[in-house]
């Protein structure tokens, strides 16, 4: 029986969390690279870039919390 401190849902395996960090980093790198793209349609807004960075930070935090 789980204690009241444990989540009812099992936490994802660490490999899933690592994969998420890699995917979020790739999305952030693409957003950052598209900022200065020669093609106007490929540009990202500062808001899109910030969102990608925030998502990356959240994924890293989940990974860190899973190992602690």
Protein backbone atom coordinates (compact mmCIF):
# COMPACT_ATOMS: atom_id res chain seq x y z
CA UNK A 1 0.00 0.00 0.00
CA UNK A 2 1.53 3.34 -1.04
CA UNK A 3 2.11 5.94 1.63
CA UNK A 4 0.38 9.30 1.38
CA UNK A 5 3.70 10.81 0.17
CA UNK A 6 3.96 8.62 -2.89
CA UNK A 7 2.33 9.50 -6.19
CA UNK A 8 -0.48 7.27 -7.37
CA UNK A 9 1.08 7.19 -10.83
CA UNK A 10 4.46 5.50 -11.20
CA UNK A 11 7.21 7.85 -12.26
CA UNK A 12 8.56 7.33 -15.76
CA UNK A 13 11.67 5.24 -16.10
CA UNK A 14 14.85 7.31 -16.15
CA UNK A 15 15.46 6.51 -19.84
CA UNK A 16 12.15 8.17 -20.72
CA UNK A 17 13.22 11.26 -18.82
CA UNK A 18 16.60 11.30 -20.56
CA UNK A 19 14.90 10.95 -23.93
CA UNK A 20 12.61 13.86 -23.07
CA UNK A 21 15.58 16.08 -22.20
CA UNK A 22 17.23 15.23 -25.52
CA UNK A 23 14.04 16.00 -27.46
CA UNK A 24 13.51 19.28 -25.60
CA UNK A 25 17.14 20.29 -26.13
CA UNK A 26 16.79 19.59 -29.86
CA UNK A 27 13.60 21.68 -30.02
CA UNK A 28 15.32 24.55 -28.20
CA UNK A 29 18.39 24.35 -30.45
CA UNK A 30 16.18 24.45 -33.55
CA UNK A 31 14.19 27.42 -32.19
CA UNK A 32 17.38 29.27 -31.33
CA UNK A 33 18.94 28.51 -34.71
CA UNK A 34 15.81 29.60 -36.56
CA UNK A 35 15.94 32.98 -34.87
CA UNK A 36 18.48 34.19 -37.44
CA UNK A 37 17.28 32.12 -40.38
CA UNK A 38 17.57 33.57 -43.86
CA UNK A 39 14.05 32.34 -44.58
CA UNK A 40 11.35 34.50 -42.95
CA UNK A 41 8.93 31.58 -42.74
CA UNK A 42 11.44 29.65 -40.62
CA UNK A 43 11.88 32.41 -38.01
CA UNK A 44 10.79 31.76 -34.46
CA UNK A 45 9.52 34.43 -32.16
CA UNK A 46 11.20 35.26 -28.87
CA UNK A 47 8.13 33.77 -27.18
CA UNK A 48 8.54 30.45 -29.05
CA UNK A 49 12.22 30.33 -28.15
CA UNK A 50 11.45 31.06 -24.49
CA UNK A 51 8.77 28.35 -24.45
CA UNK A 52 11.26 25.81 -25.83
CA UNK A 53 13.80 26.86 -23.19
CA UNK A 54 11.21 26.61 -20.40
CA UNK A 55 10.20 23.14 -21.60
CA UNK A 56 13.87 22.09 -21.59
CA UNK A 57 14.35 23.40 -18.05
CA UNK A 58 11.23 21.54 -16.86
CA UNK A 59 12.45 18.29 -18.43
CA UNK A 60 15.85 18.68 -16.75
CA UNK A 61 14.16 19.33 -13.40
CA UNK A 62 12.04 16.17 -13.77
CA UNK A 63 15.17 14.18 -14.57
CA UNK A 64 17.05 15.60 -11.57
CA UNK A 65 14.11 14.94 -9.24
CA UNK A 66 13.81 11.34 -10.42
CA UNK A 67 17.37 10.53 -9.35
CA UNK A 68 17.09 12.12 -5.92
